[in-house]
C-alpha atoms as a PDB file:
ATOM      1  CA  UNK A   1       7.481 -35.197  -4.608  1.00  0.00           C
ATOM      2  CA  UNK A   2       8.820 -34.776  -1.402  1.00  0.00           C
ATOM      3  CA  UNK A   3      10.000 -31.839   0.255  1.00  0.00           C
ATOM      4  CA  UNK A   4      13.309 -31.510   1.220  1.00  0.00           C
ATOM      5  CA  UNK A   5      13.863 -27.773   1.536  1.00  0.00           C
ATOM      6  CA  UNK A   6      11.988 -25.343   3.917  1.00  0.00           C
ATOM      7  CA  UNK A   7      12.018 -21.731   2.543  1.00  0.00           C
ATOM      8  CA  UNK A   8      12.013 -18.237   4.294  1.00  0.00           C
ATOM      9  CA  UNK A   9      11.100 -15.285   1.940  1.00  0.00           C
ATOM     10  CA  UNK A  10      11.007 -11.614   3.691  1.00  0.00           C
ATOM     11  CA  UNK A  11       9.664  -8.672   2.232  1.00  0.00           C
ATOM     12  CA  UNK A  12      11.003  -5.259   3.750  1.00  0.00           C
ATOM     13  CA  UNK A  13       7.830  -2.907   4.392  1.00  0.00           C
ATOM     14  CA  UNK A  14       8.869   0.674   4.787  1.00  0.00           C
ATOM     15  CA  UNK A  15      10.316   1.393   8.133  1.00  0.00           C
ATOM     16  CA  UNK A  16       8.488   0.005  10.602  1.00  0.00           C
ATOM     17  CA  UNK A  17       7.052  -3.816   8.978  1.00  0.00           C
ATOM     18  CA  UNK A  18       8.704  -6.763   7.797  1.00  0.00           C
ATOM     19  CA  UNK A  19       6.559  -9.540   6.223  1.00  0.00           C
ATOM     20  CA  UNK A  20       7.767 -13.238   6.471  1.00  0.00           C
ATOM     21  CA  UNK A  21       6.558 -16.565   5.061  1.00  0.00           C
ATOM     22  CA  UNK A  22       8.546 -19.820   6.066  1.00  0.00           C
ATOM     23  CA  UNK A  23       6.742 -22.926   3.818  1.00  0.00           C
ATOM     24  CA  UNK A  24       8.005 -25.575   1.963  1.00  0.00           C
ATOM     25  CA  UNK A  25       9.305 -25.782  -0.978  1.00  0.00           C
ATOM     26  CA  UNK A  26      10.070 -28.947  -3.602  1.00  0.00           C
ATOM     27  CA  UNK A  27      14.084 -29.171  -4.850  1.00  0.00           C
ATOM     28  CA  UNK A  28      12.522 -27.861  -8.664  1.00  0.00           C
ATOM     29  CA  UNK A  29      11.429 -24.343  -7.434  1.00  0.00           C
ATOM     30  CA  UNK A  30      14.957 -23.796  -5.017  1.00  0.00           C
ATOM     31  CA  UNK A  31      16.682 -24.928  -8.141  1.00  0.00           C
ATOM     32  CA  UNK A  32      14.514 -22.137 -10.232  1.00  0.00           C
ATOM     33  CA  UNK A  33      11.422 -21.532 -11.590  1.00  0.00           C
ATOM     34  CA  UNK A  34      10.996 -23.278 -15.566  1.00  0.00           C
ATOM     35  CA  UNK A  35       9.147 -21.945 -18.433  1.00  0.00           C
ATOM     36  CA  UNK A  36       5.679 -21.818 -17.910  1.00  0.00           C
ATOM     37  CA  UNK A  37       3.898 -24.374 -20.877  1.00  0.00           C
ATOM     38  CA  UNK A  38       1.026 -25.548 -19.571  1.00  0.00           C
ATOM     39  CA  UNK A  39      -1.908 -23.373 -17.931  1.00  0.00           C
ATOM     40  CA  UNK A  40      -1.943 -23.344 -14.466  1.00  0.00           C
ATOM     41  CA  UNK A  41      -3.362 -25.425 -11.675  1.00  0.00           C
ATOM     42  CA  UNK A  42      -6.912 -24.697  -9.762  1.00  0.00           C
ATOM     43  CA  UNK A  43      -4.325 -24.944  -7.045  1.00  0.00           C
ATOM     44  CA  UNK A  44      -1.750 -22.264  -8.914  1.00  0.00           C
ATOM     45  CA  UNK A  45      -4.793 -19.713  -9.518  1.00  0.00           C
ATOM     46  CA  UNK A  46      -5.819 -19.882  -5.742  1.00  0.00           C
ATOM     47  CA  UNK A  47      -1.703 -19.545  -4.439  1.00  0.00           C
ATOM     48  CA  UNK A  48      -1.616 -16.365  -7.232  1.00  0.00           C
ATOM     49  CA  UNK A  49      -4.412 -14.818  -5.663  1.00  0.00           C
ATOM     50  CA  UNK A  50      -3.124 -15.419  -2.111  1.00  0.00           C
ATOM     51  CA  UNK A  51       0.020 -13.983  -3.194  1.00  0.00           C
ATOM     52  CA  UNK A  52      -1.561 -10.769  -4.508  1.00  0.00           C
ATOM     53  CA  UNK A  53      -3.414 -10.441  -1.577  1.00  0.00           C
ATOM     54  CA  UNK A  54       0.009 -10.552   0.110  1.00  0.00           C
ATOM     55  CA  UNK A  55       1.717  -8.238  -2.197  1.00  0.00           C
ATOM     56  CA  UNK A  56      -1.327  -5.815  -1.822  1.00  0.00           C
ATOM     57  CA  UNK A  57      -1.450  -5.598   2.322  1.00  0.00           C
ATOM     58  CA  UNK A  58       2.737  -5.014   2.076  1.00  0.00           C
ATOM     59  CA  UNK A  59       2.487  -2.207   0.241  1.00  0.00           C
ATOM     60  CA  UNK A  60      -0.341  -0.835   1.706  1.00  0.00           C
ATOM     61  CA  UNK A  61       2.327  -1.137   5.125  1.00  0.00           C
ATOM     62  CA  UNK A  62       4.696   0.513   3.199  1.00  0.00           C
ATOM     63  CA  UNK A  63       3.031   3.517   2.270  1.00  0.00           C
ATOM     64  CA  UNK A  64       0.390   4.630   4.976  1.00  0.00           C
ATOM     65  CA  UNK A  65       0.709   5.007   8.648  1.00  0.00           C
ATOM     66  CA  UNK A  66      -2.005   5.963  11.131  1.00  0.00           C
ATOM     67  CA  UNK A  67      -1.265   9.751  10.047  1.00  0.00           C
ATOM     68  CA  UNK A  68      -3.443   8.440   7.054  1.00  0.00           C
ATOM     69  CA  UNK A  69      -6.954   7.840   6.151  1.00  0.00           C
ATOM     70  CA  UNK A  70      -9.002   4.988   5.126  1.00  0.00           C
ATOM     71  CA  UNK A  71     -11.729   6.381   2.138  1.00  0.00           C
ATOM     72  CA  UNK A  72     -15.662   4.727   1.331  1.00  0.00           C
ATOM     73  CA  UNK A  73     -17.251   5.952  -0.814  1.00  0.00           C
ATOM     74  CA  UNK A  74     -20.886   5.369  -2.291  1.00  0.00           C
ATOM     75  CA  UNK A  75     -24.170   6.353  -4.684  1.00  0.00           C
ATOM     76  CA  UNK A  76     -27.011   7.828  -4.674  1.00  0.00           C
ATOM     77  CA  UNK A  77     -29.235   6.099  -7.145  1.00  0.00           C
ATOM     78  CA  UNK A  78     -29.245   8.242  -9.665  1.00  0.00           C
ATOM     79  CA  UNK A  79     -25.363   8.718  -9.833  1.00  0.00           C
ATOM     80  CA  UNK A  80     -25.553   4.359  -9.470  1.00  0.00           C
ATOM     81  CA  UNK A  81     -22.531   3.627 -12.772  1.00  0.00           C
ATOM     82  CA  UNK A  82     -23.312   0.634 -15.400  1.00  0.00           C
ATOM     83  CA  UNK A  83     -21.001  -1.178 -14.734  1.00  0.00           C
ATOM     84  CA  UNK A  84     -17.168  -1.462 -13.022  1.00  0.00           C
ATOM     85  CA  UNK A  85     -15.574   0.145 -15.608  1.00  0.00           C
ATOM     86  CA  UNK A  86     -17.795   3.402 -15.415  1.00  0.00           C
ATOM     87  CA  UNK A  87     -16.976   3.138 -11.506  1.00  0.00           C
ATOM     88  CA  UNK A  88     -13.626   3.386 -11.801  1.00  0.00           C
ATOM     89  CA  UNK A  89     -13.693   6.306 -14.687  1.00  0.00           C
ATOM     90  CA  UNK A  90     -15.290   8.257 -11.491  1.00  0.00           C
ATOM     91  CA  UNK A  91     -12.148   6.881  -9.335  1.00  0.00           C
ATOM     92  CA  UNK A  92      -9.812   8.275 -11.712  1.00  0.00           C
ATOM     93  CA  UNK A  93     -11.474  11.669 -11.595  1.00  0.00           C
ATOM     94  CA  UNK A  94     -11.841  11.922  -7.626  1.00  0.00           C
ATOM     95  CA  UNK A  95      -7.640  10.472  -7.851  1.00  0.00           C
ATOM     96  CA  UNK A  96      -7.362  13.345 -10.486  1.00  0.00           C
ATOM     97  CA  UNK A  97      -8.976  15.917  -8.223  1.00  0.00           C
ATOM     98  CA  UNK A  98      -7.589  15.255  -4.932  1.00  0.00           C
ATOM     99  CA  UNK A  99      -4.099  15.654  -6.532  1.00  0.00           C
ATOM    100  CA  UNK A 100      -5.199  18.602  -7.705  1.00  0.00           C
ATOM    101  CA  UNK A 101      -7.146  20.257  -4.596  1.00  0.00           C
ATOM    102  CA  UNK A 102      -4.309  19.389  -2.244  1.00  0.00           C
ATOM    103  CA  UNK A 103      -1.123  20.699  -4.445  1.00  0.00           C
ATOM    104  CA  UNK A 104      -3.602  23.754  -4.228  1.00  0.00           C
ATOM    105  CA  UNK A 105      -4.593  24.175  -1.072  1.00  0.00           C
ATOM    106  CA  UNK A 106      -1.198  22.709   0.980  1.00  0.00           C
ATOM    107  CA  UNK A 107       1.182  23.661  -1.773  1.00  0.00           C
ATOM    108  CA  UNK A 108       2.308  19.697  -1.077  1.00  0.00           C
ATOM    109  CA  UNK A 109       4.329  18.354  -3.850  1.00  0.00           C
ATOM    110  CA  UNK A 110       1.812  15.671  -5.904  1.00  0.00           C
ATOM    111  CA  UNK A 111       5.080  12.529  -5.442  1.00  0.00           C
ATOM    112  CA  UNK A 112       4.413  13.388  -2.091  1.00  0.00           C
ATOM    113  CA  UNK A 113       0.442  12.492  -2.137  1.00  0.00           C
ATOM    114  CA  UNK A 114      -0.420   8.477  -1.611  1.00  0.00           C
ATOM    115  CA  UNK A 115      -3.646   7.188  -3.230  1.00  0.00           C
ATOM    116  CA  UNK A 116      -4.300   3.068  -3.667  1.00  0.00           C
ATOM    117  CA  UNK A 117      -8.167   3.264  -4.859  1.00  0.00           C
ATOM    118  CA  UNK A 118     -10.233   0.342  -6.212  1.00  0.00           C
ATOM    119  CA  UNK A 119     -13.789   0.379  -7.081  1.00  0.00           C
ATOM    120  CA  UNK A 120     -15.243  -2.616  -6.513  1.00  0.00           C
ATOM    121  CA  UNK A 121     -18.508  -4.955  -6.446  1.00  0.00           C
ATOM    122  CA  UNK A 122     -19.435  -7.221  -3.566  1.00  0.00           C
ATOM    123  CA  UNK A 123     -21.345 -11.235  -5.573  1.00  0.00           C
ATOM    124  CA  UNK A 124     -23.406 -10.042  -8.407  1.00  0.00           C
ATOM    125  CA  UNK A 125     -26.097  -8.496  -7.841  1.00  0.00           C
ATOM    126  CA  UNK A 126     -24.153  -5.765  -4.738  1.00  0.00           C
ATOM    127  CA  UNK A 127     -23.381  -2.036  -5.415  1.00  0.00           C
ATOM    128  CA  UNK A 128     -20.725  -0.792  -7.066  1.00  0.00           C
ATOM    129  CA  UNK A 129     -18.820   1.792  -5.012  1.00  0.00           C
ATOM    130  CA  UNK A 130     -15.092   2.480  -3.897  1.00  0.00           C
ATOM    131  CA  UNK A 131     -12.769   2.052  -1.328  1.00  0.00           C
ATOM    132  CA  UNK A 132      -8.929   3.505  -0.273  1.00  0.00           C
ATOM    133  CA  UNK A 133      -5.965   4.461   1.461  1.00  0.00           C
ATOM    134  CA  UNK A 134      -4.970   7.897   1.350  1.00  0.00           C
ATOM    135  CA  UNK A 135      -2.086  10.141   2.451  1.00  0.00           C
ATOM    136  CA  UNK A 136      -0.197  13.391   2.274  1.00  0.00           C
ATOM    137  CA  UNK A 137       3.295  13.133   4.352  1.00  0.00           C
ATOM    138  CA  UNK A 138       4.346  16.520   6.037  1.00  0.00           C
ATOM    139  CA  UNK A 139       0.740  18.173   6.991  1.00  0.00           C
ATOM    140  CA  UNK A 140       0.521  19.197  10.738  1.00  0.00           C
ATOM    141  CA  UNK A 141      -2.464  17.785  12.907  1.00  0.00           C
ATOM    142  CA  UNK A 142      -5.114  20.918  11.804  1.00  0.00           C
ATOM    143  CA  UNK A 143      -4.163  20.456   7.981  1.00  0.00           C
ATOM    144  CA  UNK A 144      -4.893  17.228   8.248  1.00  0.00           C
ATOM    145  CA  UNK A 145      -8.839  17.465   9.418  1.00  0.00           C
ATOM    146  CA  UNK A 146      -8.965  20.279   7.115  1.00  0.00           C
ATOM    147  CA  UNK A 147      -8.603  17.687   4.530  1.00  0.00           C
ATOM    148  CA  UNK A 148     -10.386  15.018   5.601  1.00  0.00           C
ATOM    149  CA  UNK A 149     -13.077  17.436   5.052  1.00  0.00           C
ATOM    150  CA  UNK A 150     -11.912  18.159   1.303  1.00  0.00           C
ATOM    151  CA  UNK A 151     -11.268  14.218   0.624  1.00  0.00           C
ATOM    152  CA  UNK A 152     -15.262  13.922   1.890  1.00  0.00           C
ATOM    153  CA  UNK A 153     -16.081  17.228  -0.268  1.00  0.00           C
ATOM    154  CA  UNK A 154     -14.657  15.880  -3.675  1.00  0.00           C
ATOM    155  CA  UNK A 155     -16.057  13.010  -4.641  1.00  0.00           C
ATOM    156  CA  UNK A 156     -19.199  14.409  -6.983  1.00  0.00           C
ATOM    157  CA  UNK A 157     -19.864  15.584 -10.000  1.00  0.00           C
ATOM    158  CA  UNK A 158     -20.029  18.835 -12.322  1.00  0.00           C
ATOM    159  CA  UNK A 159     -23.571  19.968 -13.099  1.00  0.00           C
ATOM    160  CA  UNK A 160     -23.084  19.269 -17.152  1.00  0.00           C
ATOM    161  CA  UNK A 161     -23.303  23.165 -18.663  1.00  0.00           C
ATOM    162  CA  UNK A 162     -22.563  25.322 -15.239  1.00  0.00           C
ATOM    163  CA  UNK A 163     -19.247  25.610 -13.307  1.00  0.00           C
ATOM    164  CA  UNK A 164     -21.624  23.969  -9.857  1.00  0.00           C
ATOM    165  CA  UNK A 165     -20.593  20.258  -8.334  1.00  0.00           C
ATOM    166  CA  UNK A 166     -23.392  17.510  -6.604  1.00  0.00           C
ATOM    167  CA  UNK A 167     -22.308  14.801  -4.516  1.00  0.00           C
ATOM    168  CA  UNK A 168     -22.172  11.272  -5.952  1.00  0.00           C
ATOM    169  CA  UNK A 169     -23.483  10.239  -2.643  1.00  0.00           C
ATOM    170  CA  UNK A 170     -21.437   9.601   0.061  1.00  0.00           C
ATOM    171  CA  UNK A 171     -17.615   9.635   1.557  1.00  0.00           C
ATOM    172  CA  UNK A 172     -16.624   8.510   4.423  1.00  0.00           C
ATOM    173  CA  UNK A 173     -13.789   8.921   5.474  1.00  0.00           C
ATOM    174  CA  UNK A 174     -11.679   8.405   8.658  1.00  0.00           C
ATOM    175  CA  UNK A 175      -8.023   7.713  10.845  1.00  0.00           C
ATOM    176  CA  UNK A 176      -6.444   4.128   9.269  1.00  0.00           C
ATOM    177  CA  UNK A 177      -6.732   2.070  12.000  1.00  0.00           C
ATOM    178  CA  UNK A 178      -3.953  -0.230  11.391  1.00  0.00           C
ATOM    179  CA  UNK A 179      -4.672  -2.988  13.892  1.00  0.00           C
ATOM    180  CA  UNK A 180      -8.078  -3.250  11.346  1.00  0.00           C
ATOM    181  CA  UNK A 181      -5.416  -2.586   8.501  1.00  0.00           C
ATOM    182  CA  UNK A 182      -3.233  -5.927   9.792  1.00  0.00           C
ATOM    183  CA  UNK A 183      -6.276  -7.985  10.495  1.00  0.00           C
ATOM    184  CA  UNK A 184      -6.268  -7.965  14.779  1.00  0.00           C
ATOM    185  CA  UNK A 185      -9.813  -6.401  15.379  1.00  0.00           C
ATOM    186  CA  UNK A 186     -12.161  -8.537  14.145  1.00  0.00           C
ATOM    187  CA  UNK A 187     -11.119  -7.489  10.168  1.00  0.00           C
ATOM    188  CA  UNK A 188     -10.553 -11.425   8.579  1.00  0.00           C
ATOM    189  CA  UNK A 189      -6.861 -13.042   7.869  1.00  0.00           C
ATOM    190  CA  UNK A 190      -5.709 -10.489   5.512  1.00  0.00           C
ATOM    191  CA  UNK A 191      -7.313  -6.900   7.521  1.00  0.00           C
ATOM    192  CA  UNK A 192      -8.920  -4.415   5.102  1.00  0.00           C
ATOM    193  CA  UNK A 193      -6.910  -6.098   2.442  1.00  0.00           C
ATOM    194  CA  UNK A 194      -8.225  -8.841   2.796  1.00  0.00           C
ATOM    195  CA  UNK A 195     -12.069  -7.587   3.117  1.00  0.00           C
ATOM    196  CA  UNK A 196     -11.412  -6.010  -0.466  1.00  0.00           C
ATOM    197  CA  UNK A 197     -10.376  -8.674  -2.117  1.00  0.00           C
ATOM    198  CA  UNK A 198     -13.543 -10.804  -0.663  1.00  0.00           C
ATOM    199  CA  UNK A 199     -15.336  -8.638  -3.488  1.00  0.00           C
ATOM    200  CA  UNK A 200     -16.500 -10.338  -6.140  1.00  0.00           C
ATOM    201  CA  UNK A 201     -15.490  -7.349  -8.660  1.00  0.00           C
ATOM    202  CA  UNK A 202     -12.315  -4.754  -8.196  1.00  0.00           C
ATOM    203  CA  UNK A 203     -10.378  -2.783 -10.357  1.00  0.00           C
ATOM    204  CA  UNK A 204      -7.783  -0.342  -8.766  1.00  0.00           C
ATOM    205  CA  UNK A 205      -7.018   3.397  -8.907  1.00  0.00           C
ATOM    206  CA  UNK A 206      -3.116   4.312  -7.463  1.00  0.00           C
ATOM    207  CA  UNK A 207      -1.138   6.884  -7.601  1.00  0.00           C
ATOM    208  CA  UNK A 208       2.451   6.162  -9.188  1.00  0.00           C
ATOM    209  CA  UNK A 209       4.325   7.034  -6.333  1.00  0.00           C
ATOM    210  CA  UNK A 210       3.703   4.258  -4.110  1.00  0.00           C
ATOM    211  CA  UNK A 211       6.900   1.777  -3.110  1.00  0.00           C
ATOM    212  CA  UNK A 212       7.226  -1.865  -2.998  1.00  0.00           C
ATOM    213  CA  UNK A 213       7.926  -3.637   0.301  1.00  0.00           C
ATOM    214  CA  UNK A 214      11.530  -4.755  -0.655  1.00  0.00           C
ATOM    215  CA  UNK A 215      11.736  -8.297  -1.248  1.00  0.00           C
ATOM    216  CA  UNK A 216      14.820 -10.309   0.114  1.00  0.00           C
ATOM    217  CA  UNK A 217      16.472 -13.047  -1.345  1.00  0.00           C
ATOM    218  CA  UNK A 218      15.077 -15.678  -0.202  1.00  0.00           C
ATOM    219  CA  UNK A 219      16.939 -18.330   2.335  1.00  0.00           C
ATOM    220  CA  UNK A 220      16.613 -22.286   1.864  1.00  0.00           C
ATOM    221  CA  UNK A 221      18.290 -23.589   5.023  1.00  0.00           C
ATOM    222  CA  UNK A 222      17.324 -21.711   7.800  1.00  0.00           C
ATOM    223  CA  UNK A 223      14.575 -23.899   8.996  1.00  0.00           C
ATOM    224  CA  UNK A 224      14.143 -26.772   9.804  1.00  0.00           C
ATOM    225  CA  UNK A 225      10.825 -28.990   8.769  1.00  0.00           C
ATOM    226  CA  UNK A 226      10.522 -29.679  12.913  1.00  0.00           C
ATOM    227  CA  UNK A 227      10.549 -25.598  13.104  1.00  0.00           C
ATOM    228  CA  UNK A 228       7.980 -24.900  11.246  1.00  0.00           C
ATOM    229  CA  UNK A 229       5.476 -27.387  12.555  1.00  0.00           C
ATOM    230  CA  UNK A 230       6.078 -25.689  15.725  1.00  0.00           C
ATOM    231  CA  UNK A 231       6.194 -22.337  14.199  1.00  0.00           C
ATOM    232  CA  UNK A 232       3.080 -23.168  12.728  1.00  0.00           C
ATOM    233  CA  UNK A 233       1.564 -25.393  15.731  1.00  0.00           C
ATOM    234  CA  UNK A 234       2.115 -24.433  19.601  1.00  0.00           C
ATOM    235  CA  UNK A 235       4.516 -21.502  18.635  1.00  0.00           C
ATOM    236  CA  UNK A 236       2.068 -19.591  16.572  1.00  0.00           C
ATOM    237  CA  UNK A 237       1.789 -16.574  19.135  1.00  0.00           C
ATOM    238  CA  UNK A 238       4.230 -17.115  21.019  1.00  0.00           C
ATOM    239  CA  UNK A 239       5.753 -13.772  20.723  1.00  0.00           C
ATOM    240  CA  UNK A 240       9.005 -13.869  22.428  1.00  0.00           C
ATOM    241  CA  UNK A 241       9.801 -17.383  20.483  1.00  0.00           C
ATOM    242  CA  UNK A 242       8.809 -14.972  17.726  1.00  0.00           C
ATOM    243  CA  UNK A 243      11.510 -12.375  19.089  1.00  0.00           C
ATOM    244  CA  UNK A 244      14.252 -14.742  19.719  1.00  0.00           C
ATOM    245  CA  UNK A 245      14.381 -16.149  15.751  1.00  0.00           C
ATOM    246  CA  UNK A 246      13.893 -12.362  14.502  1.00  0.00           C
ATOM    247  CA  UNK A 247      16.166  -9.951  17.395  1.00  0.00           C
ATOM    248  CA  UNK A 248      14.274  -6.380  17.977  1.00  0.00           C
ATOM    249  CA  UNK A 249      10.802  -7.254  15.488  1.00  0.00           C
ATOM    250  CA  UNK A 250       7.475  -8.201  17.325  1.00  0.00           C
ATOM    251  CA  UNK A 251       4.550 -10.673  16.148  1.00  0.00           C
ATOM    252  CA  UNK A 252       2.168  -8.406  15.465  1.00  0.00           C
ATOM    253  CA  UNK A 253       0.329 -11.402  13.516  1.00  0.00           C
ATOM    254  CA  UNK A 254       1.164 -15.063  12.801  1.00  0.00           C
ATOM    255  CA  UNK A 255      -1.583 -16.919   9.865  1.00  0.00           C
ATOM    256  CA  UNK A 256      -1.474 -20.478   9.018  1.00  0.00           C
ATOM    257  CA  UNK A 257      -2.341 -22.839   6.188  1.00  0.00           C
ATOM    258  CA  UNK A 258      -2.503 -26.122   7.543  1.00  0.00           C
ATOM    259  CA  UNK A 259      -1.785 -29.013   4.364  1.00  0.00           C
ATOM    260  CA  UNK A 260      -4.754 -28.384   1.411  1.00  0.00           C
ATOM    261  CA  UNK A 261      -5.427 -25.581   3.088  1.00  0.00           C
ATOM    262  CA  UNK A 262      -5.097 -22.730   0.260  1.00  0.00           C
ATOM    263  CA  UNK A 263      -8.319 -24.011  -1.136  1.00  0.00           C
ATOM    264  CA  UNK A 264     -11.554 -25.497  -1.600  1.00  0.00           C
ATOM    265  CA  UNK A 265     -10.892 -27.020  -5.184  1.00  0.00           C
ATOM    266  CA  UNK A 266     -13.080 -29.970  -5.557  1.00  0.00           C
ATOM    267  CA  UNK A 267      -9.684 -31.539  -7.660  1.00  0.00           C
ATOM    268  CA  UNK A 268      -7.898 -32.031  -4.220  1.00  0.00           C
ATOM    269  CA  UNK A 269      -5.819 -35.625  -5.710  1.00  0.00           C
ATOM    270  CA  UNK A 270      -1.818 -34.835  -5.804  1.00  0.00           C
ATOM    271  CA  UNK A 271       0.953 -34.119  -4.041  1.00  0.00           C
ATOM    272  CA  UNK A 272       1.363 -30.296  -4.486  1.00  0.00           C
ATOM    273  CA  UNK A 273       3.544 -28.052  -2.796  1.00  0.00           C
ATOM    274  CA  UNK A 274       0.539 -26.314  -1.010  1.00  0.00           C
ATOM    275  CA  UNK A 275      -0.535 -30.366  -0.008  1.00  0.00           C
ATOM    276  CA  UNK A 276       2.824 -30.689   1.838  1.00  0.00           C
ATOM    277  CA  UNK A 277       3.539 -28.378   4.659  1.00  0.00           C
ATOM    278  CA  UNK A 278       2.202 -26.224   6.647  1.00  0.00           C
ATOM    279  CA  UNK A 279       3.053 -22.689   5.879  1.00  0.00           C
ATOM    280  CA  UNK A 280       3.208 -19.825   8.198  1.00  0.00           C
ATOM    281  CA  UNK A 281       2.992 -16.178   6.987  1.00  0.00           C
ATOM    282  CA  UNK A 282       3.536 -13.765   9.938  1.00  0.00           C
ATOM    283  CA  UNK A 283       4.066  -9.823   9.983  1.00  0.00           C
ATOM    284  CA  UNK A 284       6.281  -8.078  12.606  1.00  0.00           C
ATOM    285  CA  UNK A 285       7.028  -4.157  13.235  1.00  0.00           C
ATOM    286  CA  UNK A 286       9.849  -2.857  14.503  1.00  0.00           C
ATOM    287  CA  UNK A 287      10.182  -2.183  18.463  1.00  0.00           C
ATOM    288  CA  UNK A 288      11.927   0.499  18.082  1.00  0.00           C
ATOM    289  CA  UNK A 289       9.198   2.073  16.078  1.00  0.00           C
ATOM    290  CA  UNK A 290       6.496   0.673  18.952  1.00  0.00           C
ATOM    291  CA  UNK A 291       8.468   2.346  21.573  1.00  0.00           C
ATOM    292  CA  UNK A 292       8.521   6.068  19.804  1.00  0.00           C
ATOM    293  CA  UNK A 293       4.603   5.796  18.816  1.00  0.00           C
ATOM    294  CA  UNK A 294       4.016   4.764  22.235  1.00  0.00           C
ATOM    295  CA  UNK A 295       3.679   7.885  24.541  1.00  0.00           C
ATOM    296  CA  UNK A 296       3.058  10.467  21.468  1.00  0.00           C
ATOM    297  CA  UNK A 297      -0.718   8.376  20.821  1.00  0.00           C
ATOM    298  CA  UNK A 298      -0.481   8.719  24.874  1.00  0.00           C
ATOM    299  CA  UNK A 299      -0.171  12.367  24.934  1.00  0.00           C
ATOM    300  CA  UNK A 300      -2.793  12.674  22.634  1.00  0.00           C
ATOM    301  CA  UNK A 301      -5.492  11.157  24.906  1.00  0.00           C
ATOM    302  CA  UNK A 302      -4.695  12.874  28.031  1.00  0.00           C
ATOM    303  CA  UNK A 303      -5.291  16.092  26.206  1.00  0.00           C
ATOM    304  CA  UNK A 304      -8.630  15.880  24.287  1.00  0.00           C
ATOM    305  CA  UNK A 305      -9.498  13.555  27.768  1.00  0.00           C
END
């Protein structure tokens, strides 16, 4: 089926970031989605996974900043869970302890503490562990350092029959690196969140206060097929070209999928939406936000030196 429309889909990710998808659609999609009547094809399932990954990355960009923390928790052999569900219970207990301890020690409100955690296993024989992001806005630099130590100490369990605790393993906590989150420093196309999705098993544990990115109404008339091919070709990494398309924004990352490149299905025949035209997905940063943060980062670096 011939594609007659090029769709632009924008997502506002907090104050600083915006994600934009530009892709071809068939006339049926332009009119609106009908009622589902049969099982999704392999291509549609691959598209659904990609949509889920991008949605999760946009959520991370909306709720977390360089002031937040990236967490990795591993197990010692005696405490290794039997399955992913048991690992998720440990992660849920960890979230509960972090919420309670942060409110008690720093006087924070529960609704201000943001946690996006995931219990994961990489491969059939991989070890269970956890990753995630944490942020508590309003803490001073000194309190953030104290909170970091607390986050590491709370990866533990109570010793049965006592009021003492023992660590489940090792918890590593580091400042969030936005370049890694965006996938700009060797972390793959989708950065840290894409790394999460590379695990065979994953179960999410999040606080209820996480805000989703704001999805704007699609625009099916702004782009031509020629402009889409330029965006996916010679203009993919042309920051000035993207700035002209989106004034006031700086291009941070542009991901291009060629026709048929979404999945490696053994049944690749047909003319599904993913085989019609290339598509691009670009993440932009508000230029004013970059200017505000640059002097702060420089001043911190100069003092440390």
